[in-house]
Protein backbone atom coordinates (compact mmCIF):
# COMPACT_ATOMS: atom_id res chain seq x y z
CA UNK A 1 0.00 0.00 0.00
CA UNK A 2 2.89 2.35 0.56
CA UNK A 3 4.03 4.36 -2.43
CA UNK A 4 7.81 4.14 -2.57
CA UNK A 5 8.31 7.13 -4.93
CA UNK A 6 7.00 9.67 -2.38
CA UNK A 7 8.37 9.78 1.13
CA UNK A 8 6.15 11.80 3.51
CA UNK A 9 9.14 12.65 5.69
CA UNK A 10 10.35 15.12 3.06
CA UNK A 11 7.51 17.41 4.18
CA UNK A 12 8.48 17.36 7.87
CA UNK A 13 10.28 20.44 9.26
CA UNK A 14 13.52 18.46 9.32
CA UNK A 15 13.04 17.25 5.75
CA UNK A 16 14.32 19.03 2.68
CA UNK A 17 10.99 20.30 1.30
CA UNK A 18 9.57 21.10 4.73
CA UNK A 19 12.61 23.19 5.63
CA UNK A 20 12.30 25.28 2.47
CA UNK A 21 8.56 25.73 2.95
CA UNK A 22 9.17 27.02 6.47
CA UNK A 23 12.05 29.21 5.34
CA UNK A 24 10.08 30.81 2.50
CA UNK A 25 7.09 31.23 4.81
CA UNK A 26 9.20 33.11 7.36
CA UNK A 27 10.60 35.40 4.68
CA UNK A 28 7.11 36.05 3.29
CA UNK A 29 5.74 36.74 6.78
CA UNK A 30 8.58 39.16 7.50
CA UNK A 31 7.98 41.04 4.25
CA UNK A 32 4.26 41.32 4.91
CA UNK A 33 4.96 42.57 8.44
CA UNK A 34 7.31 45.21 7.01
CA UNK A 35 4.89 46.41 4.34
CA UNK A 36 1.83 46.43 6.58
CA UNK A 37 3.25 47.99 9.74
CA UNK A 38 6.18 50.12 8.58
CA UNK A 39 5.49 51.22 5.01
CA UNK A 40 1.90 52.24 5.68
CA UNK A 41 3.05 54.68 8.36
CA UNK A 42 5.20 56.59 5.87
CA UNK A 43 3.68 59.81 4.71
CA UNK A 44 4.78 59.72 1.10
CA UNK A 45 2.45 62.01 -0.75
CA UNK A 46 2.10 61.64 -4.46
CA UNK A 47 3.06 64.38 -6.89
CA UNK A 48 -0.57 65.34 -7.48
CA UNK A 49 -1.26 65.47 -3.74
CA UNK A 50 1.75 67.71 -3.09
CA UNK A 51 0.70 69.96 -5.98
CA UNK A 52 -2.88 70.14 -4.67
CA UNK A 53 -1.69 71.10 -1.19
CA UNK A 54 0.62 73.76 -2.63
CA UNK A 55 -2.23 75.24 -4.68
CA UNK A 56 -4.51 75.22 -1.62
CA UNK A 57 -1.89 77.12 0.41
CA UNK A 58 -1.44 79.68 -2.36
CA UNK A 59 -5.20 80.11 -2.63
CA UNK A 60 -5.44 80.52 1.13
CA UNK A 61 -2.71 83.20 1.10
CA UNK A 62 -4.50 85.01 -1.73
CA UNK A 63 -7.79 84.99 0.18
CA UNK A 64 -6.08 86.27 3.35
CA UNK A 65 -4.44 89.08 1.35
CA UNK A 66 -7.85 90.08 0.00
CA UNK A 67 -9.24 90.26 3.53
CA UNK A 68 -6.32 92.27 4.91
CA UNK A 69 -4.94 94.42 2.07
CA UNK A 70 -1.72 96.37 2.51
CA UNK A 71 -2.63 99.65 0.96
CA UNK A 72 -1.52 103.24 1.22
CA UNK A 73 -4.24 103.92 3.77
CA UNK A 74 -2.49 102.06 6.57
PDB file of N, CA and C in Angstrom:
ATOM      1  N   UNK A   1       0.803  -1.189   0.000  1.00  0.00           N
ATOM      2  CA  UNK A   1       0.000   0.000   0.000  1.00  0.00           C
ATOM      3  C   UNK A   1       0.850   1.260   0.000  1.00  0.00           C
ATOM      4  N   UNK A   2       2.047   1.172   0.476  1.00  0.00           N
ATOM      5  CA  UNK A   2       2.891   2.348   0.564  1.00  0.00           C
ATOM      6  C   UNK A   2       3.528   2.648  -0.790  1.00  0.00           C
ATOM      7  N   UNK A   3       3.451   3.941  -1.164  1.00  0.00           N
ATOM      8  CA  UNK A   3       4.030   4.365  -2.427  1.00  0.00           C
ATOM      9  C   UNK A   3       5.505   4.682  -2.193  1.00  0.00           C
ATOM     10  N   UNK A   4       6.380   3.989  -2.842  1.00  0.00           N
ATOM     11  CA  UNK A   4       7.806   4.142  -2.574  1.00  0.00           C
ATOM     12  C   UNK A   4       8.411   5.369  -3.258  1.00  0.00           C
ATOM     13  N   UNK A   5       7.724   5.984  -4.235  1.00  0.00           N
ATOM     14  CA  UNK A   5       8.306   7.125  -4.931  1.00  0.00           C
ATOM     15  C   UNK A   5       8.136   8.434  -4.151  1.00  0.00           C
ATOM     16  N   UNK A   6       7.221   8.457  -3.164  1.00  0.00           N
ATOM     17  CA  UNK A   6       7.003   9.674  -2.380  1.00  0.00           C
ATOM     18  C   UNK A   6       7.158   9.350  -0.909  1.00  0.00           C
ATOM     19  N   UNK A   7       8.122   9.978  -0.284  1.00  0.00           N
ATOM     20  CA  UNK A   7       8.367   9.775   1.131  1.00  0.00           C
ATOM     21  C   UNK A   7       7.784  10.975   1.887  1.00  0.00           C
ATOM     22  N   UNK A   8       6.854  10.729   2.799  1.00  0.00           N
ATOM     23  CA  UNK A   8       6.155  11.799   3.513  1.00  0.00           C
ATOM     24  C   UNK A   8       7.084  12.554   4.448  1.00  0.00           C
ATOM     25  N   UNK A   9       8.217  11.988   4.787  1.00  0.00           N
ATOM     26  CA  UNK A   9       9.140  12.650   5.693  1.00  0.00           C
ATOM     27  C   UNK A   9       9.849  13.829   5.041  1.00  0.00           C
ATOM     28  N   UNK A  10       9.791  13.946   3.732  1.00  0.00           N
ATOM     29  CA  UNK A  10      10.350  15.119   3.057  1.00  0.00           C
ATOM     30  C   UNK A  10       9.597  16.395   3.454  1.00  0.00           C
ATOM     31  N   UNK A  11       8.329  16.259   3.832  1.00  0.00           N
ATOM     32  CA  UNK A  11       7.508  17.407   4.184  1.00  0.00           C
ATOM     33  C   UNK A  11       7.625  17.806   5.651  1.00  0.00           C
ATOM     34  N   UNK A  12       8.315  17.030   6.454  1.00  0.00           N
ATOM     35  CA  UNK A  12       8.481  17.364   7.868  1.00  0.00           C
ATOM     36  C   UNK A  12       9.432  18.554   7.986  1.00  0.00           C
ATOM     37  N   UNK A  13       9.392  19.278   9.104  1.00  0.00           N
ATOM     38  CA  UNK A  13      10.283  20.443   9.257  1.00  0.00           C
ATOM     39  C   UNK A  13      11.770  20.103   9.184  1.00  0.00           C
ATOM     40  N   UNK A  14      12.115  18.851   9.434  1.00  0.00           N
ATOM     41  CA  UNK A  14      13.524  18.462   9.323  1.00  0.00           C
ATOM     42  C   UNK A  14      13.837  17.923   7.939  1.00  0.00           C
ATOM     43  N   UNK A  15      12.832  17.726   7.112  1.00  0.00           N
ATOM     44  CA  UNK A  15      13.043  17.254   5.752  1.00  0.00           C
ATOM     45  C   UNK A  15      13.424  18.389   4.823  1.00  0.00           C
ATOM     46  N   UNK A  16      13.835  18.044   3.635  1.00  0.00           N
ATOM     47  CA  UNK A  16      14.316  19.030   2.677  1.00  0.00           C
ATOM     48  C   UNK A  16      13.203  19.973   2.225  1.00  0.00           C
ATOM     49  N   UNK A  17      12.092  19.459   1.794  1.00  0.00           N
ATOM     50  CA  UNK A  17      10.992  20.301   1.303  1.00  0.00           C
ATOM     51  C   UNK A  17      10.351  21.065   2.457  1.00  0.00           C
ATOM     52  N   UNK A  18      10.177  20.442   3.579  1.00  0.00           N
ATOM     53  CA  UNK A  18       9.573  21.102   4.734  1.00  0.00           C
ATOM     54  C   UNK A  18      10.406  22.261   5.235  1.00  0.00           C
ATOM     55  N   UNK A  19      11.736  22.099   5.218  1.00  0.00           N
ATOM     56  CA  UNK A  19      12.612  23.189   5.628  1.00  0.00           C
ATOM     57  C   UNK A  19      12.448  24.388   4.709  1.00  0.00           C
ATOM     58  N   UNK A  20      12.436  24.166   3.416  1.00  0.00           N
ATOM     59  CA  UNK A  20      12.304  25.280   2.472  1.00  0.00           C
ATOM     60  C   UNK A  20      10.930  25.929   2.534  1.00  0.00           C
ATOM     61  N   UNK A  21       9.890  25.151   2.785  1.00  0.00           N
ATOM     62  CA  UNK A  21       8.556  25.730   2.948  1.00  0.00           C
ATOM     63  C   UNK A  21       8.529  26.641   4.169  1.00  0.00           C
ATOM     64  N   UNK A  22       9.103  26.187   5.275  1.00  0.00           N
ATOM     65  CA  UNK A  22       9.168  27.022   6.475  1.00  0.00           C
ATOM     66  C   UNK A  22      10.024  28.264   6.251  1.00  0.00           C
ATOM     67  N   UNK A  23      11.150  28.098   5.591  1.00  0.00           N
ATOM     68  CA  UNK A  23      12.054  29.212   5.342  1.00  0.00           C
ATOM     69  C   UNK A  23      11.393  30.278   4.460  1.00  0.00           C
ATOM     70  N   UNK A  24      10.768  29.873   3.381  1.00  0.00           N
ATOM     71  CA  UNK A  24      10.078  30.813   2.496  1.00  0.00           C
ATOM     72  C   UNK A  24       8.881  31.444   3.212  1.00  0.00           C
ATOM     73  N   UNK A  25       8.202  30.685   4.043  1.00  0.00           N
ATOM     74  CA  UNK A  25       7.089  31.225   4.811  1.00  0.00           C
ATOM     75  C   UNK A  25       7.537  32.295   5.797  1.00  0.00           C
ATOM     76  N   UNK A  26       8.675  32.094   6.432  1.00  0.00           N
ATOM     77  CA  UNK A  26       9.205  33.107   7.361  1.00  0.00           C
ATOM     78  C   UNK A  26       9.605  34.378   6.621  1.00  0.00           C
ATOM     79  N   UNK A  27      10.227  34.229   5.479  1.00  0.00           N
ATOM     80  CA  UNK A  27      10.597  35.400   4.680  1.00  0.00           C
ATOM     81  C   UNK A  27       9.346  36.146   4.237  1.00  0.00           C
ATOM     82  N   UNK A  28       8.358  35.439   3.735  1.00  0.00           N
ATOM     83  CA  UNK A  28       7.115  36.050   3.291  1.00  0.00           C
ATOM     84  C   UNK A  28       6.414  36.763   4.450  1.00  0.00           C
ATOM     85  N   UNK A  29       6.370  36.132   5.609  1.00  0.00           N
ATOM     86  CA  UNK A  29       5.741  36.744   6.783  1.00  0.00           C
ATOM     87  C   UNK A  29       6.482  38.013   7.193  1.00  0.00           C
ATOM     88  N   UNK A  30       7.790  37.978   7.168  1.00  0.00           N
ATOM     89  CA  UNK A  30       8.576  39.164   7.500  1.00  0.00           C
ATOM     90  C   UNK A  30       8.331  40.297   6.523  1.00  0.00           C
ATOM     91  N   UNK A  31       8.250  40.001   5.241  1.00  0.00           N
ATOM     92  CA  UNK A  31       7.977  41.036   4.246  1.00  0.00           C
ATOM     93  C   UNK A  31       6.593  41.634   4.432  1.00  0.00           C
ATOM     94  N   UNK A  32       5.614  40.803   4.699  1.00  0.00           N
ATOM     95  CA  UNK A  32       4.259  41.320   4.908  1.00  0.00           C
ATOM     96  C   UNK A  32       4.200  42.184   6.167  1.00  0.00           C
ATOM     97  N   UNK A  33       4.901  41.774   7.212  1.00  0.00           N
ATOM     98  CA  UNK A  33       4.961  42.574   8.443  1.00  0.00           C
ATOM     99  C   UNK A  33       5.574  43.936   8.148  1.00  0.00           C
ATOM    100  N   UNK A  34       6.651  43.959   7.362  1.00  0.00           N
ATOM    101  CA  UNK A  34       7.314  45.208   7.008  1.00  0.00           C
ATOM    102  C   UNK A  34       6.379  46.114   6.211  1.00  0.00           C
ATOM    103  N   UNK A  35       5.745  45.576   5.190  1.00  0.00           N
ATOM    104  CA  UNK A  35       4.893  46.405   4.340  1.00  0.00           C
ATOM    105  C   UNK A  35       3.639  46.877   5.056  1.00  0.00           C
ATOM    106  N   UNK A  36       3.072  46.058   5.914  1.00  0.00           N
ATOM    107  CA  UNK A  36       1.832  46.434   6.580  1.00  0.00           C
ATOM    108  C   UNK A  36       2.088  47.418   7.711  1.00  0.00           C
ATOM    109  N   UNK A  37       3.089  47.174   8.545  1.00  0.00           N
ATOM    110  CA  UNK A  37       3.252  47.987   9.737  1.00  0.00           C
ATOM    111  C   UNK A  37       4.229  49.143   9.584  1.00  0.00           C
ATOM    112  N   UNK A  38       5.198  49.045   8.693  1.00  0.00           N
ATOM    113  CA  UNK A  38       6.181  50.115   8.579  1.00  0.00           C
ATOM    114  C   UNK A  38       5.944  50.996   7.362  1.00  0.00           C
ATOM    115  N   UNK A  39       5.655  50.423   6.227  1.00  0.00           N
ATOM    116  CA  UNK A  39       5.488  51.218   5.012  1.00  0.00           C
ATOM    117  C   UNK A  39       4.190  52.009   5.017  1.00  0.00           C
ATOM    118  N   UNK A  40       3.158  51.511   5.665  1.00  0.00           N
ATOM    119  CA  UNK A  40       1.896  52.243   5.677  1.00  0.00           C
ATOM    120  C   UNK A  40       1.962  53.470   6.565  1.00  0.00           C
ATOM    121  N   UNK A  41       2.915  53.513   7.492  1.00  0.00           N
ATOM    122  CA  UNK A  41       3.049  54.675   8.360  1.00  0.00           C
ATOM    123  C   UNK A  41       3.846  55.797   7.710  1.00  0.00           C
ATOM    124  N   UNK A  42       4.484  55.533   6.582  1.00  0.00           N
ATOM    125  CA  UNK A  42       5.198  56.587   5.872  1.00  0.00           C
ATOM    126  C   UNK A  42       4.198  57.548   5.262  1.00  0.00           C
ATOM    127  N   UNK A  43       4.572  58.807   5.260  1.00  0.00           N
ATOM    128  CA  UNK A  43       3.677  59.815   4.707  1.00  0.00           C
ATOM    129  C   UNK A  43       4.239  60.276   3.370  1.00  0.00           C
ATOM    130  N   UNK A  44       4.296  59.381   2.426  1.00  0.00           N
ATOM    131  CA  UNK A  44       4.780  59.718   1.095  1.00  0.00           C
ATOM    132  C   UNK A  44       3.602  60.170   0.256  1.00  0.00           C
ATOM    133  N   UNK A  45       3.542  61.466   0.051  1.00  0.00           N
ATOM    134  CA  UNK A  45       2.454  62.010  -0.751  1.00  0.00           C
ATOM    135  C   UNK A  45       2.832  61.917  -2.222  1.00  0.00           C
ATOM    136  N   UNK A  46       1.853  61.717  -3.038  1.00  0.00           N
ATOM    137  CA  UNK A  46       2.103  61.645  -4.464  1.00  0.00           C
ATOM    138  C   UNK A  46       2.340  63.043  -5.021  1.00  0.00           C
ATOM    139  N   UNK A  47       2.788  63.093  -6.249  1.00  0.00           N
ATOM    140  CA  UNK A  47       3.063  64.378  -6.889  1.00  0.00           C
ATOM    141  C   UNK A  47       1.797  65.216  -6.981  1.00  0.00           C
ATOM    142  N   UNK A  48       0.694  64.606  -7.358  1.00  0.00           N
ATOM    143  CA  UNK A  48      -0.566  65.342  -7.479  1.00  0.00           C
ATOM    144  C   UNK A  48      -1.043  65.851  -6.126  1.00  0.00           C
ATOM    145  N   UNK A  49      -0.844  65.055  -5.077  1.00  0.00           N
ATOM    146  CA  UNK A  49      -1.262  65.471  -3.740  1.00  0.00           C
ATOM    147  C   UNK A  49      -0.421  66.647  -3.252  1.00  0.00           C
ATOM    148  N   UNK A  50       0.898  66.591  -3.480  1.00  0.00           N
ATOM    149  CA  UNK A  50       1.752  67.710  -3.092  1.00  0.00           C
ATOM    150  C   UNK A  50       1.384  68.967  -3.870  1.00  0.00           C
ATOM    151  N   UNK A  51       1.085  68.821  -5.149  1.00  0.00           N
ATOM    152  CA  UNK A  51       0.699  69.965  -5.978  1.00  0.00           C
ATOM    153  C   UNK A  51      -0.634  70.544  -5.497  1.00  0.00           C
ATOM    154  N   UNK A  52      -1.576  69.680  -5.161  1.00  0.00           N
ATOM    155  CA  UNK A  52      -2.876  70.135  -4.675  1.00  0.00           C
ATOM    156  C   UNK A  52      -2.720  70.917  -3.372  1.00  0.00           C
ATOM    157  N   UNK A  53      -1.901  70.409  -2.464  1.00  0.00           N
ATOM    158  CA  UNK A  53      -1.687  71.101  -1.192  1.00  0.00           C
ATOM    159  C   UNK A  53      -1.006  72.447  -1.408  1.00  0.00           C
ATOM    160  N   UNK A  54      -0.059  72.505  -2.339  1.00  0.00           N
ATOM    161  CA  UNK A  54       0.621  73.760  -2.633  1.00  0.00           C
ATOM    162  C   UNK A  54      -0.369  74.777  -3.204  1.00  0.00           C
ATOM    163  N   UNK A  55      -1.232  74.336  -4.110  1.00  0.00           N
ATOM    164  CA  UNK A  55      -2.232  75.242  -4.678  1.00  0.00           C
ATOM    165  C   UNK A  55      -3.229  75.708  -3.620  1.00  0.00           C
ATOM    166  N   UNK A  56      -3.598  74.832  -2.704  1.00  0.00           N
ATOM    167  CA  UNK A  56      -4.509  75.221  -1.619  1.00  0.00           C
ATOM    168  C   UNK A  56      -3.869  76.278  -0.719  1.00  0.00           C
ATOM    169  N   UNK A  57      -2.568  76.123  -0.412  1.00  0.00           N
ATOM    170  CA  UNK A  57      -1.894  77.123   0.413  1.00  0.00           C
ATOM    171  C   UNK A  57      -1.806  78.462  -0.304  1.00  0.00           C
ATOM    172  N   UNK A  58      -1.501  78.438  -1.599  1.00  0.00           N
ATOM    173  CA  UNK A  58      -1.441  79.685  -2.361  1.00  0.00           C
ATOM    174  C   UNK A  58      -2.809  80.356  -2.419  1.00  0.00           C
ATOM    175  N   UNK A  59      -3.843  79.568  -2.598  1.00  0.00           N
ATOM    176  CA  UNK A  59      -5.201  80.113  -2.630  1.00  0.00           C
ATOM    177  C   UNK A  59      -5.571  80.701  -1.263  1.00  0.00           C
ATOM    178  N   UNK A  60      -5.171  80.022  -0.206  1.00  0.00           N
ATOM    179  CA  UNK A  60      -5.440  80.524   1.134  1.00  0.00           C
ATOM    180  C   UNK A  60      -4.714  81.850   1.371  1.00  0.00           C
ATOM    181  N   UNK A  61      -3.458  81.945   0.954  1.00  0.00           N
ATOM    182  CA  UNK A  61      -2.714  83.197   1.097  1.00  0.00           C
ATOM    183  C   UNK A  61      -3.386  84.315   0.309  1.00  0.00           C
ATOM    184  N   UNK A  62      -3.839  84.010  -0.894  1.00  0.00           N
ATOM    185  CA  UNK A  62      -4.498  85.010  -1.731  1.00  0.00           C
ATOM    186  C   UNK A  62      -5.785  85.504  -1.073  1.00  0.00           C
ATOM    187  N   UNK A  63      -6.550  84.588  -0.492  1.00  0.00           N
ATOM    188  CA  UNK A  63      -7.792  84.988   0.179  1.00  0.00           C
ATOM    189  C   UNK A  63      -7.512  85.829   1.429  1.00  0.00           C
ATOM    190  N   UNK A  64      -6.449  85.494   2.165  1.00  0.00           N
ATOM    191  CA  UNK A  64      -6.084  86.271   3.347  1.00  0.00           C
ATOM    192  C   UNK A  64      -5.640  87.673   2.929  1.00  0.00           C
ATOM    193  N   UNK A  65      -4.870  87.768   1.836  1.00  0.00           N
ATOM    194  CA  UNK A  65      -4.437  89.079   1.350  1.00  0.00           C
ATOM    195  C   UNK A  65      -5.619  89.937   0.905  1.00  0.00           C
ATOM    196  N   UNK A  66      -6.647  89.317   0.379  1.00  0.00           N
ATOM    197  CA  UNK A  66      -7.845  90.081   0.003  1.00  0.00           C
ATOM    198  C   UNK A  66      -8.576  90.594   1.233  1.00  0.00           C
ATOM    199  N   UNK A  67      -8.557  89.824   2.309  1.00  0.00           N
ATOM    200  CA  UNK A  67      -9.238  90.262   3.529  1.00  0.00           C
ATOM    201  C   UNK A  67      -8.478  91.378   4.238  1.00  0.00           C
ATOM    202  N   UNK A  68      -7.149  91.286   4.210  1.00  0.00           N
ATOM    203  CA  UNK A  68      -6.319  92.272   4.908  1.00  0.00           C
ATOM    204  C   UNK A  68      -5.352  92.901   3.907  1.00  0.00           C
ATOM    205  N   UNK A  69      -5.819  93.828   3.093  1.00  0.00           N
ATOM    206  CA  UNK A  69      -4.938  94.422   2.071  1.00  0.00           C
ATOM    207  C   UNK A  69      -3.913  95.361   2.696  1.00  0.00           C
ATOM    208  N   UNK A  70      -2.761  95.436   2.087  1.00  0.00           N
ATOM    209  CA  UNK A  70      -1.719  96.368   2.509  1.00  0.00           C
ATOM    210  C   UNK A  70      -1.749  97.530   1.522  1.00  0.00           C
ATOM    211  N   UNK A  71      -2.485  98.524   1.867  1.00  0.00           N
ATOM    212  CA  UNK A  71      -2.625  99.651   0.960  1.00  0.00           C
ATOM    213  C   UNK A  71      -1.949 100.893   1.498  1.00  0.00           C
ATOM    214  N   UNK A  72      -2.135 101.996   0.796  1.00  0.00           N
ATOM    215  CA  UNK A  72      -1.518 103.242   1.218  1.00  0.00           C
ATOM    216  C   UNK A  72      -2.302 103.922   2.328  1.00  0.00           C
ATOM    217  N   UNK A  73      -3.438 103.332   2.713  1.00  0.00           N
ATOM    218  CA  UNK A  73      -4.241 103.922   3.773  1.00  0.00           C
ATOM    219  C   UNK A  73      -3.736 103.544   5.153  1.00  0.00           C
ATOM    220  N   UNK A  74      -2.935 102.511   5.250  1.00  0.00           N
ATOM    221  CA  UNK A  74      -2.487 102.062   6.569  1.00  0.00           C
ATOM    222  C   UNK A  74      -1.059 102.413   6.813  1.00  0.00           C
TER     223      UNK A  74
END
